[in-house]
Amino acid sequence: MPKWEYVTVPLLVHATKQILDNWGEDGWELVQVVPGPNPDQLVAYMKREKS
């Protein structure tokens, strides 16, 4: 059975794609995006399989 590690990542609305692409290059998969503490920010929940 796979084991997972998780991370939360702050996303700036004007740079969301670039931020997600950078994390994706490191093997992280987007699970969910939720509103952040202010209107210009979101929070992404990411996961990847532990090695």
PDB file of N, CA and C in Angstrom:
ATOM      1  N   MET A   1       0.834  -1.166   0.000  1.00  0.00           N
ATOM      2  CA  MET A   1       0.000   0.000   0.000  1.00  0.00           C
ATOM      3  C   MET A   1       0.894   1.250   0.000  1.00  0.00           C
ATOM      4  N   PRO A   2       0.618   2.228  -0.868  1.00  0.00           N
ATOM      5  CA  PRO A   2       1.485   3.420  -0.922  1.00  0.00           C
ATOM      6  C   PRO A   2       1.352   4.282   0.326  1.00  0.00           C
ATOM      7  N   LYS A   3       2.433   4.966   0.642  1.00  0.00           N
ATOM      8  CA  LYS A   3       2.433   5.947   1.730  1.00  0.00           C
ATOM      9  C   LYS A   3       2.628   7.315   1.090  1.00  0.00           C
ATOM     10  N   TRP A   4       1.978   8.333   1.659  1.00  0.00           N
ATOM     11  CA  TRP A   4       1.957   9.668   1.064  1.00  0.00           C
ATOM     12  C   TRP A   4       2.562  10.693   2.010  1.00  0.00           C
ATOM     13  N   GLU A   5       3.113  11.738   1.422  1.00  0.00           N
ATOM     14  CA  GLU A   5       3.484  12.926   2.178  1.00  0.00           C
ATOM     15  C   GLU A   5       2.691  14.090   1.606  1.00  0.00           C
ATOM     16  N   TYR A   6       2.428  15.079   2.445  1.00  0.00           N
ATOM     17  CA  TYR A   6       1.560  16.192   2.060  1.00  0.00           C
ATOM     18  C   TYR A   6       2.244  17.516   2.356  1.00  0.00           C
ATOM     19  N   VAL A   7       1.811  18.549   1.630  1.00  0.00           N
ATOM     20  CA  VAL A   7       2.320  19.900   1.863  1.00  0.00           C
ATOM     21  C   VAL A   7       1.209  20.892   1.515  1.00  0.00           C
ATOM     22  N   THR A   8       1.187  22.015   2.233  1.00  0.00           N
ATOM     23  CA  THR A   8       0.301  23.119   1.861  1.00  0.00           C
ATOM     24  C   THR A   8       1.166  24.214   1.257  1.00  0.00           C
ATOM     25  N   VAL A   9       0.652  24.800   0.175  1.00  0.00           N
ATOM     26  CA  VAL A   9       1.422  25.775  -0.587  1.00  0.00           C
ATOM     27  C   VAL A   9       0.586  27.031  -0.781  1.00  0.00           C
ATOM     28  N   PRO A  10       1.094  28.213  -0.376  1.00  0.00           N
ATOM     29  CA  PRO A  10       0.365  29.446  -0.666  1.00  0.00           C
ATOM     30  C   PRO A  10       0.454  29.756  -2.161  1.00  0.00           C
ATOM     31  N   LEU A  11      -0.674  30.131  -2.749  1.00  0.00           N
ATOM     32  CA  LEU A  11      -0.718  30.471  -4.171  1.00  0.00           C
ATOM     33  C   LEU A  11      -1.110  31.933  -4.323  1.00  0.00           C
ATOM     34  N   LEU A  12      -0.361  32.664  -5.116  1.00  0.00           N
ATOM     35  CA  LEU A  12      -0.758  34.015  -5.479  1.00  0.00           C
ATOM     36  C   LEU A  12      -1.604  33.928  -6.738  1.00  0.00           C
ATOM     37  N   VAL A  13      -2.739  34.606  -6.755  1.00  0.00           N
ATOM     38  CA  VAL A  13      -3.699  34.481  -7.853  1.00  0.00           C
ATOM     39  C   VAL A  13      -3.045  34.783  -9.207  1.00  0.00           C
ATOM     40  N   HIS A  14      -2.148  35.743  -9.272  1.00  0.00           N
ATOM     41  CA  HIS A  14      -1.544  36.129 -10.551  1.00  0.00           C
ATOM     42  C   HIS A  14      -0.429  35.174 -11.004  1.00  0.00           C
ATOM     43  N   ALA A  15      -0.031  34.195 -10.154  1.00  0.00           N
ATOM     44  CA  ALA A  15       1.069  33.289 -10.525  1.00  0.00           C
ATOM     45  C   ALA A  15       0.730  31.823 -10.242  1.00  0.00           C
ATOM     46  N   THR A  16      -0.554  31.505 -10.206  1.00  0.00           N
ATOM     47  CA  THR A  16      -0.986  30.157  -9.821  1.00  0.00           C
ATOM     48  C   THR A  16      -0.392  29.074 -10.706  1.00  0.00           C
ATOM     49  N   LYS A  17      -0.478  29.218 -12.015  1.00  0.00           N
ATOM     50  CA  LYS A  17       0.010  28.179 -12.924  1.00  0.00           C
ATOM     51  C   LYS A  17       1.507  27.947 -12.750  1.00  0.00           C
ATOM     52  N   GLN A  18       2.270  28.993 -12.666  1.00  0.00           N
ATOM     53  CA  GLN A  18       3.721  28.869 -12.517  1.00  0.00           C
ATOM     54  C   GLN A  18       4.079  28.146 -11.209  1.00  0.00           C
ATOM     55  N   ILE A  19       3.405  28.502 -10.126  1.00  0.00           N
ATOM     56  CA  ILE A  19       3.678  27.866  -8.837  1.00  0.00           C
ATOM     57  C   ILE A  19       3.332  26.384  -8.889  1.00  0.00           C
ATOM     58  N   LEU A  20       2.148  26.047  -9.429  1.00  0.00           N
ATOM     59  CA  LEU A  20       1.730  24.646  -9.505  1.00  0.00           C
ATOM     60  C   LEU A  20       2.643  23.844 -10.434  1.00  0.00           C
ATOM     61  N   ASP A  21       3.056  24.441 -11.555  1.00  0.00           N
ATOM     62  CA  ASP A  21       3.977  23.753 -12.469  1.00  0.00           C
ATOM     63  C   ASP A  21       5.300  23.428 -11.775  1.00  0.00           C
ATOM     64  N   ASN A  22       5.811  24.363 -10.977  1.00  0.00           N
ATOM     65  CA  ASN A  22       7.074  24.131 -10.254  1.00  0.00           C
ATOM     66  C   ASN A  22       6.942  22.970  -9.278  1.00  0.00           C
ATOM     67  N   TRP A  23       5.862  22.912  -8.523  1.00  0.00           N
ATOM     68  CA  TRP A  23       5.658  21.811  -7.588  1.00  0.00           C
ATOM     69  C   TRP A  23       5.429  20.501  -8.339  1.00  0.00           C
ATOM     70  N   GLY A  24       4.713  20.556  -9.449  1.00  0.00           N
ATOM     71  CA  GLY A  24       4.472  19.359 -10.253  1.00  0.00           C
ATOM     72  C   GLY A  24       5.758  18.767 -10.796  1.00  0.00           C
ATOM     73  N   GLU A  25       6.709  19.610 -11.154  1.00  0.00           N
ATOM     74  CA  GLU A  25       8.010  19.132 -11.627  1.00  0.00           C
ATOM     75  C   GLU A  25       8.733  18.304 -10.568  1.00  0.00           C
ATOM     76  N   ASP A  26       8.439  18.595  -9.304  1.00  0.00           N
ATOM     77  CA  ASP A  26       9.063  17.851  -8.198  1.00  0.00           C
ATOM     78  C   ASP A  26       8.232  16.644  -7.772  1.00  0.00           C
ATOM     79  N   GLY A  27       7.196  16.312  -8.548  1.00  0.00           N
ATOM     80  CA  GLY A  27       6.412  15.111  -8.282  1.00  0.00           C
ATOM     81  C   GLY A  27       5.182  15.308  -7.414  1.00  0.00           C
ATOM     82  N   TRP A  28       4.854  16.555  -7.069  1.00  0.00           N
ATOM     83  CA  TRP A  28       3.684  16.819  -6.234  1.00  0.00           C
ATOM     84  C   TRP A  28       2.428  16.869  -7.090  1.00  0.00           C
ATOM     85  N   GLU A  29       1.349  16.293  -6.578  1.00  0.00           N
ATOM     86  CA  GLU A  29       0.054  16.277  -7.253  1.00  0.00           C
ATOM     87  C   GLU A  29      -0.921  17.160  -6.476  1.00  0.00           C
ATOM     88  N   LEU A  30      -1.640  18.007  -7.196  1.00  0.00           N
ATOM     89  CA  LEU A  30      -2.624  18.890  -6.573  1.00  0.00           C
ATOM     90  C   LEU A  30      -3.814  18.077  -6.092  1.00  0.00           C
ATOM     91  N   VAL A  31      -4.213  18.283  -4.833  1.00  0.00           N
ATOM     92  CA  VAL A  31      -5.372  17.603  -4.260  1.00  0.00           C
ATOM     93  C   VAL A  31      -6.558  18.561  -4.185  1.00  0.00           C
ATOM     94  N   GLN A  32      -6.310  19.785  -3.686  1.00  0.00           N
ATOM     95  CA  GLN A  32      -7.391  20.735  -3.505  1.00  0.00           C
ATOM     96  C   GLN A  32      -6.831  22.144  -3.393  1.00  0.00           C
ATOM     97  N   VAL A  33      -7.644  23.132  -3.791  1.00  0.00           N
ATOM     98  CA  VAL A  33      -7.312  24.540  -3.596  1.00  0.00           C
ATOM     99  C   VAL A  33      -8.438  25.161  -2.778  1.00  0.00           C
ATOM    100  N   VAL A  34      -8.067  25.892  -1.732  1.00  0.00           N
ATOM    101  CA  VAL A  34      -9.052  26.556  -0.875  1.00  0.00           C
ATOM    102  C   VAL A  34      -8.691  28.036  -0.757  1.00  0.00           C
ATOM    103  N   PRO A  35      -9.657  28.882  -0.386  1.00  0.00           N
ATOM    104  CA  PRO A  35      -9.355  30.307  -0.213  1.00  0.00           C
ATOM    105  C   PRO A  35      -8.310  30.527   0.869  1.00  0.00           C
ATOM    106  N   GLY A  36      -7.468  31.532   0.648  1.00  0.00           N
ATOM    107  CA  GLY A  36      -6.433  31.877   1.618  1.00  0.00           C
ATOM    108  C   GLY A  36      -6.890  32.957   2.566  1.00  0.00           C
ATOM    109  N   PRO A  37      -5.955  33.525   3.309  1.00  0.00           N
ATOM    110  CA  PRO A  37      -6.298  34.522   4.317  1.00  0.00           C
ATOM    111  C   PRO A  37      -6.724  35.877   3.744  1.00  0.00           C
ATOM    112  N   ASN A  38      -6.438  36.123   2.475  1.00  0.00           N
ATOM    113  CA  ASN A  38      -6.880  37.371   1.851  1.00  0.00           C
ATOM    114  C   ASN A  38      -7.318  37.088   0.417  1.00  0.00           C
ATOM    115  N   PRO A  39      -8.010  38.019  -0.243  1.00  0.00           N
ATOM    116  CA  PRO A  39      -8.578  37.755  -1.576  1.00  0.00           C
ATOM    117  C   PRO A  39      -7.550  37.471  -2.675  1.00  0.00           C
ATOM    118  N   ASP A  40      -6.309  37.890  -2.494  1.00  0.00           N
ATOM    119  CA  ASP A  40      -5.291  37.673  -3.521  1.00  0.00           C
ATOM    120  C   ASP A  40      -4.524  36.377  -3.322  1.00  0.00           C
ATOM    121  N   GLN A  41      -4.926  35.558  -2.365  1.00  0.00           N
ATOM    122  CA  GLN A  41      -4.162  34.352  -2.064  1.00  0.00           C
ATOM    123  C   GLN A  41      -5.082  33.136  -1.944  1.00  0.00           C
ATOM    124  N   LEU A  42      -4.566  32.010  -2.427  1.00  0.00           N
ATOM    125  CA  LEU A  42      -5.217  30.707  -2.281  1.00  0.00           C
ATOM    126  C   LEU A  42      -4.235  29.785  -1.579  1.00  0.00           C
ATOM    127  N   VAL A  43      -4.723  28.650  -1.098  1.00  0.00           N
ATOM    128  CA  VAL A  43      -3.851  27.643  -0.480  1.00  0.00           C
ATOM    129  C   VAL A  43      -4.079  26.331  -1.216  1.00  0.00           C
ATOM    130  N   ALA A  44      -2.996  25.731  -1.708  1.00  0.00           N
ATOM    131  CA  ALA A  44      -3.067  24.455  -2.415  1.00  0.00           C
ATOM    132  C   ALA A  44      -2.613  23.343  -1.481  1.00  0.00           C
ATOM    133  N   TYR A  45      -3.344  22.245  -1.490  1.00  0.00           N
ATOM    134  CA  TYR A  45      -2.948  21.032  -0.779  1.00  0.00           C
ATOM    135  C   TYR A  45      -2.395  20.070  -1.808  1.00  0.00           C
ATOM    136  N   MET A  46      -1.161  19.608  -1.595  1.00  0.00           N
ATOM    137  CA  MET A  46      -0.464  18.743  -2.549  1.00  0.00           C
ATOM    138  C   MET A  46      -0.061  17.447  -1.864  1.00  0.00           C
ATOM    139  N   LYS A  47       0.098  16.396  -2.671  1.00  0.00           N
ATOM    140  CA  LYS A  47       0.584  15.119  -2.132  1.00  0.00           C
ATOM    141  C   LYS A  47       1.526  14.471  -3.143  1.00  0.00           C
ATOM    142  N   ARG A  48       2.394  13.596  -2.627  1.00  0.00           N
ATOM    143  CA  ARG A  48       3.212  12.740  -3.478  1.00  0.00           C
ATOM    144  C   ARG A  48       3.555  11.477  -2.704  1.00  0.00           C
ATOM    145  N   GLU A  49       3.819  10.429  -3.446  1.00  0.00           N
ATOM    146  CA  GLU A  49       4.132   9.157  -2.815  1.00  0.00           C
ATOM    147  C   GLU A  49       5.522   9.225  -2.184  1.00  0.00           C
ATOM    148  N   LYS A  50       5.636   8.683  -0.969  1.00  0.00           N
ATOM    149  CA  LYS A  50       6.938   8.645  -0.301  1.00  0.00           C
ATOM    150  C   LYS A  50       7.811   7.601  -0.996  1.00  0.00           C
ATOM    151  N   SER A  51       9.083   7.892  -1.075  1.00  0.00           N
ATOM    152  CA  SER A  51      10.012   6.942  -1.693  1.00  0.00           C
ATOM    153  C   SER A  51      10.548   5.967  -0.679  1.00  0.00           C
TER     154      SER A  51
END
